[in-house]
């Protein structure tokens, strides 16, 4: 992609970037005040980045993750998070072309992550049977005796894990109070709009992670806690066009308003990802942002968006939907 030129903007307006091809960079607000957010993003329903690192002081950033080093990426702070190991959380498991979503304990997720990151120099290498023989629909079972790692009903030999786990869209209201206190609701969420929160979630996973193109019925503040994510957005009419084109290509008739696991595996996932991230036709009608720890992105109601976790190591995010 060719370099983009930067246009100088008045200090009271968003910083805008121009490009004659490819997705447009999302404007950055000149400051993080409630007034600026309300007048330049929330009320006009325009996507916007808050100033870089605006949320860098969130306790979760420093308590849930380790700091990356020249030899290791960001990892989970498992000694801290394991205090809440009995908490049930939603987990997405992807193994090649297969996908399933289950409810399991946070300790299960932490042990899966530890197994998949055991090749990093700061951890003790060990083999694992976690997902190398994962079968879609297999029922998760508890460990019988240490050091067995048989979480799924399988008798396969020890091998490198091939599946990926993603703690995705875990409602904050279902998590322990101490965890919720690590991600206090930002002022712009509490005081913009109707002044309350419709819902909120956390997302934890080892890069690469992926959330397919979809739209939400409420405005959304998305904050990156750790790692990097890339977000691509488009207006409602463009998103509907992409969705219709995907259904035509695969011979499907799915509803754009009722989305399920079909987005996460198989032909629809492949074609949808190709249209959003590889299709040149709609790139000029889309917006793009790269988020790092402490960055926040406002996604207006009805805007279609897809999110990719990039780089190496753990990614972590939290989001709040405005009522």
C-alpha atoms as a PDB file:
ATOM      1  CA  UNK A   1       0.000   0.000   0.000  1.00  0.00           C
ATOM      2  CA  UNK A   2       1.373   3.407  -0.958  1.00  0.00           C
ATOM      3  CA  UNK A   3       2.269   5.889   1.820  1.00  0.00           C
ATOM      4  CA  UNK A   4      -0.539   8.193   2.905  1.00  0.00           C
ATOM      5  CA  UNK A   5      -0.114  11.955   3.096  1.00  0.00           C
ATOM      6  CA  UNK A   6      -1.163  13.715   6.308  1.00  0.00           C
ATOM      7  CA  UNK A   7      -3.301  16.841   6.154  1.00  0.00           C
ATOM      8  CA  UNK A   8      -2.692  19.443   8.840  1.00  0.00           C
ATOM      9  CA  UNK A   9      -5.907  20.132  10.752  1.00  0.00           C
ATOM     10  CA  UNK A  10      -6.943  22.791  13.263  1.00  0.00           C
ATOM     11  CA  UNK A  11      -6.405  21.765  16.867  1.00  0.00           C
ATOM     12  CA  UNK A  12     -10.142  21.824  17.535  1.00  0.00           C
ATOM     13  CA  UNK A  13     -10.975  19.253  14.851  1.00  0.00           C
ATOM     14  CA  UNK A  14     -10.255  15.594  14.256  1.00  0.00           C
ATOM     15  CA  UNK A  15      -7.001  14.757  12.538  1.00  0.00           C
ATOM     16  CA  UNK A  16      -7.857  13.486   9.048  1.00  0.00           C
ATOM     17  CA  UNK A  17      -5.769  11.452   6.641  1.00  0.00           C
ATOM     18  CA  UNK A  18      -6.115  11.315   2.877  1.00  0.00           C
ATOM     19  CA  UNK A  19      -5.482   8.563   0.380  1.00  0.00           C
ATOM     20  CA  UNK A  20      -6.584   8.069  -3.205  1.00  0.00           C
ATOM     21  CA  UNK A  21      -6.803   4.302  -2.857  1.00  0.00           C
ATOM     22  CA  UNK A  22      -7.363   1.736  -0.173  1.00  0.00           C
ATOM     23  CA  UNK A  23      -9.327   2.075   3.067  1.00  0.00           C
ATOM     24  CA  UNK A  24      -9.344   5.440   4.809  1.00  0.00           C
ATOM     25  CA  UNK A  25      -7.621   5.806   8.180  1.00  0.00           C
ATOM     26  CA  UNK A  26     -10.116   6.561  10.943  1.00  0.00           C
ATOM     27  CA  UNK A  27      -9.834  10.157  12.242  1.00  0.00           C
ATOM     28  CA  UNK A  28      -8.212  10.752  15.645  1.00  0.00           C
ATOM     29  CA  UNK A  29      -9.981  13.088  18.054  1.00  0.00           C
ATOM     30  CA  UNK A  30      -7.851  16.070  19.153  1.00  0.00           C
ATOM     31  CA  UNK A  31      -8.520  15.275  22.817  1.00  0.00           C
ATOM     32  CA  UNK A  32     -10.391  12.777  24.938  1.00  0.00           C
ATOM     33  CA  UNK A  33     -12.847  15.139  26.592  1.00  0.00           C
ATOM     34  CA  UNK A  34     -16.526  14.282  26.840  1.00  0.00           C
ATOM     35  CA  UNK A  35     -17.472  17.380  24.846  1.00  0.00           C
ATOM     36  CA  UNK A  36     -15.137  16.545  21.954  1.00  0.00           C
ATOM     37  CA  UNK A  37     -16.238  12.919  21.896  1.00  0.00           C
ATOM     38  CA  UNK A  38     -19.914  13.870  21.947  1.00  0.00           C
ATOM     39  CA  UNK A  39     -19.780  16.584  19.296  1.00  0.00           C
ATOM     40  CA  UNK A  40     -17.281  15.025  16.875  1.00  0.00           C
ATOM     41  CA  UNK A  41     -18.037  11.295  17.183  1.00  0.00           C
ATOM     42  CA  UNK A  42     -21.085  10.223  19.178  1.00  0.00           C
ATOM     43  CA  UNK A  43     -23.735  12.726  18.057  1.00  0.00           C
ATOM     44  CA  UNK A  44     -22.800  12.741  14.331  1.00  0.00           C
ATOM     45  CA  UNK A  45     -22.377   8.922  14.500  1.00  0.00           C
ATOM     46  CA  UNK A  46     -18.904   8.961  12.946  1.00  0.00           C
ATOM     47  CA  UNK A  47     -16.162   6.418  13.711  1.00  0.00           C
ATOM     48  CA  UNK A  48     -13.257   7.964  15.591  1.00  0.00           C
ATOM     49  CA  UNK A  49     -10.134   7.035  17.506  1.00  0.00           C
ATOM     50  CA  UNK A  50      -9.623   8.674  20.847  1.00  0.00           C
ATOM     51  CA  UNK A  51      -6.099  10.076  21.354  1.00  0.00           C
ATOM     52  CA  UNK A  52      -3.518   7.300  21.302  1.00  0.00           C
ATOM     53  CA  UNK A  53      -2.930   5.634  24.699  1.00  0.00           C
ATOM     54  CA  UNK A  54      -5.925   7.464  26.142  1.00  0.00           C
ATOM     55  CA  UNK A  55      -6.865   4.340  28.141  1.00  0.00           C
ATOM     56  CA  UNK A  56      -3.321   3.295  29.066  1.00  0.00           C
ATOM     57  CA  UNK A  57      -4.059   3.604  32.792  1.00  0.00           C
ATOM     58  CA  UNK A  58      -6.756   0.923  32.877  1.00  0.00           C
ATOM     59  CA  UNK A  59      -5.741  -1.486  35.686  1.00  0.00           C
ATOM     60  CA  UNK A  60      -6.349  -4.548  33.491  1.00  0.00           C
ATOM     61  CA  UNK A  61      -3.505  -3.553  31.178  1.00  0.00           C
ATOM     62  CA  UNK A  62      -0.989  -3.874  33.974  1.00  0.00           C
ATOM     63  CA  UNK A  63      -2.630  -6.669  35.982  1.00  0.00           C
ATOM     64  CA  UNK A  64      -3.807  -9.148  33.328  1.00  0.00           C
ATOM     65  CA  UNK A  65      -0.745  -9.165  31.053  1.00  0.00           C
ATOM     66  CA  UNK A  66       3.043  -9.260  31.140  1.00  0.00           C
ATOM     67  CA  UNK A  67       5.107  -6.622  29.404  1.00  0.00           C
ATOM     68  CA  UNK A  68       6.604  -7.738  26.068  1.00  0.00           C
ATOM     69  CA  UNK A  69      10.385  -8.017  25.820  1.00  0.00           C
ATOM     70  CA  UNK A  70      12.761  -8.228  22.817  1.00  0.00           C
ATOM     71  CA  UNK A  71      12.511 -12.034  23.005  1.00  0.00           C
ATOM     72  CA  UNK A  72       8.915 -12.589  24.158  1.00  0.00           C
ATOM     73  CA  UNK A  73       5.563 -11.051  23.195  1.00  0.00           C
ATOM     74  CA  UNK A  74       2.777 -10.124  25.597  1.00  0.00           C
ATOM     75  CA  UNK A  75       1.620 -13.051  27.738  1.00  0.00           C
ATOM     76  CA  UNK A  76      -1.217 -13.518  30.208  1.00  0.00           C
ATOM     77  CA  UNK A  77      -0.477 -12.951  33.884  1.00  0.00           C
ATOM     78  CA  UNK A  78      -1.799 -16.382  34.797  1.00  0.00           C
ATOM     79  CA  UNK A  79      -0.931 -16.211  38.532  1.00  0.00           C
ATOM     80  CA  UNK A  80      -3.286 -13.236  38.883  1.00  0.00           C
ATOM     81  CA  UNK A  81      -6.078 -14.438  36.599  1.00  0.00           C
ATOM     82  CA  UNK A  82      -6.019 -17.955  38.064  1.00  0.00           C
ATOM     83  CA  UNK A  83      -7.510 -16.492  41.260  1.00  0.00           C
ATOM     84  CA  UNK A  84     -10.766 -16.368  39.315  1.00  0.00           C
ATOM     85  CA  UNK A  85     -10.308 -19.757  37.657  1.00  0.00           C
ATOM     86  CA  UNK A  86     -13.705 -21.154  38.649  1.00  0.00           C
ATOM     87  CA  UNK A  87     -15.549 -18.465  36.676  1.00  0.00           C
ATOM     88  CA  UNK A  88     -17.400 -19.820  33.641  1.00  0.00           C
ATOM     89  CA  UNK A  89     -16.590 -18.019  30.388  1.00  0.00           C
ATOM     90  CA  UNK A  90     -17.549 -18.448  26.701  1.00  0.00           C
ATOM     91  CA  UNK A  91     -14.730 -19.940  24.627  1.00  0.00           C
ATOM     92  CA  UNK A  92     -14.503 -20.255  20.855  1.00  0.00           C
ATOM     93  CA  UNK A  93     -12.433 -23.167  19.552  1.00  0.00           C
ATOM     94  CA  UNK A  94     -11.274 -23.227  15.946  1.00  0.00           C
ATOM     95  CA  UNK A  95      -9.476 -26.215  14.468  1.00  0.00           C
ATOM     96  CA  UNK A  96      -8.771 -25.852  10.767  1.00  0.00           C
ATOM     97  CA  UNK A  97     -12.236 -25.766   9.119  1.00  0.00           C
ATOM     98  CA  UNK A  98     -14.139 -26.585  12.315  1.00  0.00           C
ATOM     99  CA  UNK A  99     -15.570 -24.213  14.902  1.00  0.00           C
ATOM    100  CA  UNK A 100     -17.483 -24.540  18.153  1.00  0.00           C
ATOM    101  CA  UNK A 101     -18.386 -22.327  21.090  1.00  0.00           C
ATOM    102  CA  UNK A 102     -18.519 -23.754  24.610  1.00  0.00           C
ATOM    103  CA  UNK A 103     -18.811 -22.624  28.224  1.00  0.00           C
ATOM    104  CA  UNK A 104     -15.822 -23.581  30.339  1.00  0.00           C
ATOM    105  CA  UNK A 105     -13.934 -22.379  33.387  1.00  0.00           C
ATOM    106  CA  UNK A 106     -11.411 -19.578  33.131  1.00  0.00           C
ATOM    107  CA  UNK A 107      -8.800 -22.014  34.466  1.00  0.00           C
ATOM    108  CA  UNK A 108      -9.452 -24.241  31.450  1.00  0.00           C
ATOM    109  CA  UNK A 109      -8.791 -21.308  29.128  1.00  0.00           C
ATOM    110  CA  UNK A 110      -5.630 -20.315  31.015  1.00  0.00           C
ATOM    111  CA  UNK A 111      -4.214 -23.828  30.813  1.00  0.00           C
ATOM    112  CA  UNK A 112      -4.990 -24.022  27.098  1.00  0.00           C
ATOM    113  CA  UNK A 113      -3.168 -20.724  26.538  1.00  0.00           C
ATOM    114  CA  UNK A 114      -0.218 -21.890  28.614  1.00  0.00           C
ATOM    115  CA  UNK A 115       0.043 -25.025  26.487  1.00  0.00           C
ATOM    116  CA  UNK A 116      -0.075 -23.077  23.224  1.00  0.00           C
ATOM    117  CA  UNK A 117       2.542 -20.523  24.350  1.00  0.00           C
ATOM    118  CA  UNK A 118       4.977 -23.029  25.856  1.00  0.00           C
ATOM    119  CA  UNK A 119       7.486 -22.447  23.024  1.00  0.00           C
ATOM    120  CA  UNK A 120       8.333 -18.959  24.258  1.00  0.00           C
ATOM    121  CA  UNK A 121      11.687 -18.739  26.072  1.00  0.00           C
ATOM    122  CA  UNK A 122      10.226 -17.525  29.360  1.00  0.00           C
ATOM    123  CA  UNK A 123       8.038 -20.588  29.843  1.00  0.00           C
ATOM    124  CA  UNK A 124       8.923 -24.203  30.414  1.00  0.00           C
ATOM    125  CA  UNK A 125       8.474 -26.204  27.184  1.00  0.00           C
ATOM    126  CA  UNK A 126       6.041 -29.063  27.470  1.00  0.00           C
ATOM    127  CA  UNK A 127       3.888 -31.168  25.200  1.00  0.00           C
ATOM    128  CA  UNK A 128       0.129 -31.103  25.325  1.00  0.00           C
ATOM    129  CA  UNK A 129      -2.826 -33.043  24.033  1.00  0.00           C
ATOM    130  CA  UNK A 130      -5.206 -30.088  24.320  1.00  0.00           C
ATOM    131  CA  UNK A 131      -6.469 -29.707  20.784  1.00  0.00           C
ATOM    132  CA  UNK A 132      -4.243 -31.704  18.463  1.00  0.00           C
ATOM    133  CA  UNK A 133      -7.058 -34.206  18.086  1.00  0.00           C
ATOM    134  CA  UNK A 134     -10.023 -31.961  18.776  1.00  0.00           C
ATOM    135  CA  UNK A 135     -13.222 -33.317  17.290  1.00  0.00           C
ATOM    136  CA  UNK A 136     -16.113 -30.851  16.651  1.00  0.00           C
ATOM    137  CA  UNK A 137     -18.866 -31.555  19.130  1.00  0.00           C
ATOM    138  CA  UNK A 138     -16.602 -33.392  21.559  1.00  0.00           C
ATOM    139  CA  UNK A 139     -17.589 -32.725  25.143  1.00  0.00           C
ATOM    140  CA  UNK A 140     -15.050 -31.017  27.364  1.00  0.00           C
ATOM    141  CA  UNK A 141     -13.998 -33.092  30.377  1.00  0.00           C
ATOM    142  CA  UNK A 142     -12.007 -32.218  33.477  1.00  0.00           C
ATOM    143  CA  UNK A 143      -8.508 -33.443  34.124  1.00  0.00           C
ATOM    144  CA  UNK A 144      -8.485 -36.771  35.906  1.00  0.00           C
ATOM    145  CA  UNK A 145      -5.034 -36.573  37.468  1.00  0.00           C
ATOM    146  CA  UNK A 146      -2.004 -34.364  36.901  1.00  0.00           C
ATOM    147  CA  UNK A 147      -0.097 -34.031  34.695  1.00  0.00           C
ATOM    148  CA  UNK A 148      -2.713 -35.274  32.219  1.00  0.00           C
ATOM    149  CA  UNK A 149      -4.017 -32.637  29.813  1.00  0.00           C
ATOM    150  CA  UNK A 150      -6.893 -34.604  28.313  1.00  0.00           C
ATOM    151  CA  UNK A 151      -9.558 -31.928  28.120  1.00  0.00           C
ATOM    152  CA  UNK A 152     -11.305 -33.536  25.189  1.00  0.00           C
ATOM    153  CA  UNK A 153     -12.390 -37.113  24.755  1.00  0.00           C
ATOM    154  CA  UNK A 154      -9.580 -38.291  22.541  1.00  0.00           C
ATOM    155  CA  UNK A 155      -6.871 -40.925  22.724  1.00  0.00           C
ATOM    156  CA  UNK A 156      -4.524 -39.272  20.238  1.00  0.00           C
ATOM    157  CA  UNK A 157      -0.808 -39.262  20.865  1.00  0.00           C
ATOM    158  CA  UNK A 158       0.962 -36.165  22.126  1.00  0.00           C
ATOM    159  CA  UNK A 159       1.518 -33.666  19.357  1.00  0.00           C
ATOM    160  CA  UNK A 160       1.616 -29.944  18.655  1.00  0.00           C
ATOM    161  CA  UNK A 161      -1.801 -28.310  19.246  1.00  0.00           C
ATOM    162  CA  UNK A 162      -3.575 -27.386  16.032  1.00  0.00           C
ATOM    163  CA  UNK A 163      -6.663 -25.636  17.429  1.00  0.00           C
ATOM    164  CA  UNK A 164      -6.933 -22.107  18.771  1.00  0.00           C
ATOM    165  CA  UNK A 165      -8.919 -20.901  21.771  1.00  0.00           C
ATOM    166  CA  UNK A 166     -10.492 -17.462  22.054  1.00  0.00           C
ATOM    167  CA  UNK A 167     -12.286 -16.131  25.107  1.00  0.00           C
ATOM    168  CA  UNK A 168     -14.746 -14.064  23.097  1.00  0.00           C
ATOM    169  CA  UNK A 169     -17.500 -11.689  24.179  1.00  0.00           C
ATOM    170  CA  UNK A 170     -17.506 -12.652  27.845  1.00  0.00           C
ATOM    171  CA  UNK A 171     -20.061 -10.341  29.531  1.00  0.00           C
ATOM    172  CA  UNK A 172     -18.497  -8.266  32.278  1.00  0.00           C
ATOM    173  CA  UNK A 173     -21.658  -8.676  34.337  1.00  0.00           C
ATOM    174  CA  UNK A 174     -20.900 -12.413  34.616  1.00  0.00           C
ATOM    175  CA  UNK A 175     -17.351 -11.914  35.898  1.00  0.00           C
ATOM    176  CA  UNK A 176     -16.123 -11.466  39.484  1.00  0.00           C
ATOM    177  CA  UNK A 177     -16.283  -7.958  40.910  1.00  0.00           C
ATOM    178  CA  UNK A 178     -12.487  -7.709  41.162  1.00  0.00           C
ATOM    179  CA  UNK A 179     -12.152  -8.419  37.431  1.00  0.00           C
ATOM    180  CA  UNK A 180     -14.811  -5.843  36.561  1.00  0.00           C
ATOM    181  CA  UNK A 181     -13.023  -3.252  38.688  1.00  0.00           C
ATOM    182  CA  UNK A 182      -9.941  -3.747  36.506  1.00  0.00           C
ATOM    183  CA  UNK A 183     -11.865  -2.306  33.547  1.00  0.00           C
ATOM    184  CA  UNK A 184     -13.846   0.656  34.959  1.00  0.00           C
ATOM    185  CA  UNK A 185     -16.394   2.115  32.563  1.00  0.00           C
ATOM    186  CA  UNK A 186     -14.968   5.233  30.829  1.00  0.00           C
ATOM    187  CA  UNK A 187     -16.592   8.621  31.362  1.00  0.00           C
ATOM    188  CA  UNK A 188     -17.566   8.931  27.701  1.00  0.00           C
ATOM    189  CA  UNK A 189     -19.659   5.769  28.021  1.00  0.00           C
ATOM    190  CA  UNK A 190     -21.304   6.804  31.265  1.00  0.00           C
ATOM    191  CA  UNK A 191     -22.145  10.356  30.185  1.00  0.00           C
ATOM    192  CA  UNK A 192     -22.674  10.307  26.415  1.00  0.00           C
ATOM    193  CA  UNK A 193     -26.033   9.395  24.956  1.00  0.00           C
ATOM    194  CA  UNK A 194     -28.527   8.157  27.554  1.00  0.00           C
ATOM    195  CA  UNK A 195     -25.754   7.908  30.110  1.00  0.00           C
ATOM    196  CA  UNK A 196     -25.817   4.183  30.834  1.00  0.00           C
ATOM    197  CA  UNK A 197     -24.341   0.954  29.505  1.00  0.00           C
ATOM    198  CA  UNK A 198     -26.305  -1.538  27.413  1.00  0.00           C
ATOM    199  CA  UNK A 199     -23.693  -4.302  27.745  1.00  0.00           C
ATOM    200  CA  UNK A 200     -19.930  -4.880  27.898  1.00  0.00           C
ATOM    201  CA  UNK A 201     -17.539  -7.730  27.126  1.00  0.00           C
ATOM    202  CA  UNK A 202     -13.927  -8.809  27.283  1.00  0.00           C
ATOM    203  CA  UNK A 203     -11.954 -10.616  24.570  1.00  0.00           C
ATOM    204  CA  UNK A 204      -8.753 -12.597  25.240  1.00  0.00           C
ATOM    205  CA  UNK A 205      -6.841 -14.728  22.766  1.00  0.00           C
ATOM    206  CA  UNK A 206      -3.501 -15.496  21.228  1.00  0.00           C
ATOM    207  CA  UNK A 207      -2.882 -13.791  17.871  1.00  0.00           C
ATOM    208  CA  UNK A 208      -4.034 -14.255  15.236  1.00  0.00           C
ATOM    209  CA  UNK A 209      -7.661 -13.802  16.322  1.00  0.00           C
ATOM    210  CA  UNK A 210     -10.554 -13.005  14.029  1.00  0.00           C
ATOM    211  CA  UNK A 211     -14.078 -11.607  14.289  1.00  0.00           C
ATOM    212  CA  UNK A 212     -15.953 -11.638  10.963  1.00  0.00           C
ATOM    213  CA  UNK A 213     -17.850  -8.738   9.425  1.00  0.00           C
ATOM    214  CA  UNK A 214     -20.993  -7.908  11.414  1.00  0.00           C
ATOM    215  CA  UNK A 215     -22.938  -4.950  12.763  1.00  0.00           C
ATOM    216  CA  UNK A 216     -24.159  -4.109  16.260  1.00  0.00           C
ATOM    217  CA  UNK A 217     -27.542  -2.633  17.242  1.00  0.00           C
ATOM    218  CA  UNK A 218     -25.847  -0.172  19.609  1.00  0.00           C
ATOM    219  CA  UNK A 219     -22.914   2.271  19.457  1.00  0.00           C
ATOM    220  CA  UNK A 220     -19.715   0.698  20.713  1.00  0.00           C
ATOM    221  CA  UNK A 221     -16.507   1.860  22.434  1.00  0.00           C
ATOM    222  CA  UNK A 222     -13.766  -0.703  21.770  1.00  0.00           C
ATOM    223  CA  UNK A 223     -10.565  -0.475  23.851  1.00  0.00           C
ATOM    224  CA  UNK A 224      -7.391  -2.463  23.239  1.00  0.00           C
ATOM    225  CA  UNK A 225      -5.786  -3.758  26.442  1.00  0.00           C
ATOM    226  CA  UNK A 226      -2.847  -5.750  25.071  1.00  0.00           C
ATOM    227  CA  UNK A 227      -1.349  -6.783  21.754  1.00  0.00           C
ATOM    228  CA  UNK A 228      -2.457  -5.366  18.427  1.00  0.00           C
ATOM    229  CA  UNK A 229      -5.707  -5.483  16.504  1.00  0.00           C
ATOM    230  CA  UNK A 230      -6.733  -4.156  13.144  1.00  0.00           C
ATOM    231  CA  UNK A 231     -10.328  -3.029  12.616  1.00  0.00           C
ATOM    232  CA  UNK A 232     -12.031  -2.450   9.288  1.00  0.00           C
ATOM    233  CA  UNK A 233     -15.346  -0.560   9.199  1.00  0.00           C
ATOM    234  CA  UNK A 234     -17.877   0.365   6.537  1.00  0.00           C
ATOM    235  CA  UNK A 235     -21.211   2.140   6.396  1.00  0.00           C
ATOM    236  CA  UNK A 236     -24.474   0.220   6.548  1.00  0.00           C
ATOM    237  CA  UNK A 237     -25.132   0.273   2.795  1.00  0.00           C
ATOM    238  CA  UNK A 238     -21.614  -0.909   1.944  1.00  0.00           C
ATOM    239  CA  UNK A 239     -21.777  -3.698   4.523  1.00  0.00           C
ATOM    240  CA  UNK A 240     -25.101  -4.893   3.148  1.00  0.00           C
ATOM    241  CA  UNK A 241     -23.578  -4.945  -0.330  1.00  0.00           C
ATOM    242  CA  UNK A 242     -20.634  -7.045   0.817  1.00  0.00           C
ATOM    243  CA  UNK A 243     -22.944  -9.439   2.655  1.00  0.00           C
ATOM    244  CA  UNK A 244     -25.209  -9.822  -0.385  1.00  0.00           C
ATOM    245  CA  UNK A 245     -22.219 -10.441  -2.645  1.00  0.00           C
ATOM    246  CA  UNK A 246     -20.918 -13.142  -0.299  1.00  0.00           C
ATOM    247  CA  UNK A 247     -24.287 -14.904  -0.244  1.00  0.00           C
ATOM    248  CA  UNK A 248     -24.413 -14.791  -4.032  1.00  0.00           C
ATOM    249  CA  UNK A 249     -20.920 -16.268  -4.337  1.00  0.00           C
ATOM    250  CA  UNK A 250     -21.654 -19.177  -1.983  1.00  0.00           C
ATOM    251  CA  UNK A 251     -25.245 -19.725  -3.109  1.00  0.00           C
ATOM    252  CA  UNK A 252     -26.550 -18.886   0.358  1.00  0.00           C
ATOM    253  CA  UNK A 253     -29.639 -17.109   1.644  1.00  0.00           C
ATOM    254  CA  UNK A 254     -28.657 -16.176   5.206  1.00  0.00           C
ATOM    255  CA  UNK A 255     -30.130 -13.134   6.932  1.00  0.00           C
ATOM    256  CA  UNK A 256     -27.856 -10.168   7.594  1.00  0.00           C
ATOM    257  CA  UNK A 257     -29.583  -9.534  10.924  1.00  0.00           C
ATOM    258  CA  UNK A 258     -29.411 -13.077  12.309  1.00  0.00           C
ATOM    259  CA  UNK A 259     -25.818 -14.244  12.283  1.00  0.00           C
ATOM    260  CA  UNK A 260     -24.499 -17.452  13.789  1.00  0.00           C
ATOM    261  CA  UNK A 261     -21.588 -19.865  13.690  1.00  0.00           C
ATOM    262  CA  UNK A 262     -21.749 -20.049   9.889  1.00  0.00           C
ATOM    263  CA  UNK A 263     -19.603 -16.892   9.863  1.00  0.00           C
ATOM    264  CA  UNK A 264     -16.803 -18.633  11.733  1.00  0.00           C
ATOM    265  CA  UNK A 265     -15.984 -21.650   9.578  1.00  0.00           C
ATOM    266  CA  UNK A 266     -16.288 -23.119   6.122  1.00  0.00           C
ATOM    267  CA  UNK A 267     -16.953 -21.434   2.806  1.00  0.00           C
ATOM    268  CA  UNK A 268     -18.843 -18.421   4.156  1.00  0.00           C
ATOM    269  CA  UNK A 269     -15.980 -17.498   6.498  1.00  0.00           C
ATOM    270  CA  UNK A 270     -13.431 -17.804   3.695  1.00  0.00           C
ATOM    271  CA  UNK A 271     -15.392 -15.740   1.186  1.00  0.00           C
ATOM    272  CA  UNK A 272     -16.471 -13.134   3.737  1.00  0.00           C
ATOM    273  CA  UNK A 273     -12.883 -12.603   4.879  1.00  0.00           C
ATOM    274  CA  UNK A 274     -11.742 -12.379   1.255  1.00  0.00           C
ATOM    275  CA  UNK A 275     -14.363  -9.731   0.443  1.00  0.00           C
ATOM    276  CA  UNK A 276     -13.624  -7.614   3.515  1.00  0.00           C
ATOM    277  CA  UNK A 277      -9.846  -7.838   3.690  1.00  0.00           C
ATOM    278  CA  UNK A 278      -8.885  -8.699   0.135  1.00  0.00           C
ATOM    279  CA  UNK A 279     -11.534  -7.138  -2.090  1.00  0.00           C
ATOM    280  CA  UNK A 280     -10.365  -3.977  -3.862  1.00  0.00           C
ATOM    281  CA  UNK A 281     -13.810  -2.835  -4.990  1.00  0.00           C
ATOM    282  CA  UNK A 282     -15.002  -1.600  -1.582  1.00  0.00           C
ATOM    283  CA  UNK A 283     -11.674  -0.552  -0.071  1.00  0.00           C
ATOM    284  CA  UNK A 284     -12.293   3.109  -0.881  1.00  0.00           C
ATOM    285  CA  UNK A 285     -15.629   2.823   0.957  1.00  0.00           C
ATOM    286  CA  UNK A 286     -14.101   1.394   4.138  1.00  0.00           C
ATOM    287  CA  UNK A 287     -12.190   2.751   7.120  1.00  0.00           C
ATOM    288  CA  UNK A 288      -9.230   1.132   8.830  1.00  0.00           C
ATOM    289  CA  UNK A 289      -7.544   1.441  12.238  1.00  0.00           C
ATOM    290  CA  UNK A 290      -4.657  -0.315  13.953  1.00  0.00           C
ATOM    291  CA  UNK A 291      -5.027  -0.461  17.719  1.00  0.00           C
ATOM    292  CA  UNK A 292      -2.361  -1.034  20.356  1.00  0.00           C
ATOM    293  CA  UNK A 293      -2.526  -1.236  24.135  1.00  0.00           C
ATOM    294  CA  UNK A 294      -4.390   1.769  25.550  1.00  0.00           C
ATOM    295  CA  UNK A 295      -6.065   2.806  22.268  1.00  0.00           C
ATOM    296  CA  UNK A 296      -9.822   3.262  21.981  1.00  0.00           C
ATOM    297  CA  UNK A 297     -12.126   3.223  18.956  1.00  0.00           C
ATOM    298  CA  UNK A 298     -15.719   4.450  18.701  1.00  0.00           C
ATOM    299  CA  UNK A 299     -17.901   2.377  16.340  1.00  0.00           C
ATOM    300  CA  UNK A 300     -21.274   4.015  15.578  1.00  0.00           C
ATOM    301  CA  UNK A 301     -24.531   2.081  15.587  1.00  0.00           C
ATOM    302  CA  UNK A 302     -25.096   0.054  12.434  1.00  0.00           C
ATOM    303  CA  UNK A 303     -21.570   0.320  11.053  1.00  0.00           C
ATOM    304  CA  UNK A 304     -20.292  -3.039   9.847  1.00  0.00           C
ATOM    305  CA  UNK A 305     -16.895  -4.050  11.202  1.00  0.00           C
ATOM    306  CA  UNK A 306     -14.413  -6.914  11.244  1.00  0.00           C
ATOM    307  CA  UNK A 307     -11.540  -7.290  13.725  1.00  0.00           C
ATOM    308  CA  UNK A 308      -8.217  -9.124  13.417  1.00  0.00           C
ATOM    309  CA  UNK A 309      -5.677  -9.751  16.156  1.00  0.00           C
ATOM    310  CA  UNK A 310      -2.221  -9.364  14.614  1.00  0.00           C
ATOM    311  CA  UNK A 311       1.403  -9.964  15.565  1.00  0.00           C
ATOM    312  CA  UNK A 312       2.393 -12.505  18.210  1.00  0.00           C
ATOM    313  CA  UNK A 313       1.427 -13.201  21.772  1.00  0.00           C
ATOM    314  CA  UNK A 314      -1.787 -12.371  23.610  1.00  0.00           C
ATOM    315  CA  UNK A 315      -4.339  -9.835  22.540  1.00  0.00           C
ATOM    316  CA  UNK A 316      -6.887  -8.444  24.944  1.00  0.00           C
ATOM    317  CA  UNK A 317      -9.792  -6.049  24.449  1.00  0.00           C
ATOM    318  CA  UNK A 318     -12.821  -4.709  26.282  1.00  0.00           C
ATOM    319  CA  UNK A 319     -15.845  -3.015  24.798  1.00  0.00           C
ATOM    320  CA  UNK A 320     -18.907  -1.167  26.039  1.00  0.00           C
ATOM    321  CA  UNK A 321     -22.152  -0.791  24.104  1.00  0.00           C
ATOM    322  CA  UNK A 322     -24.037   2.440  24.703  1.00  0.00           C
ATOM    323  CA  UNK A 323     -27.755   2.129  25.346  1.00  0.00           C
END
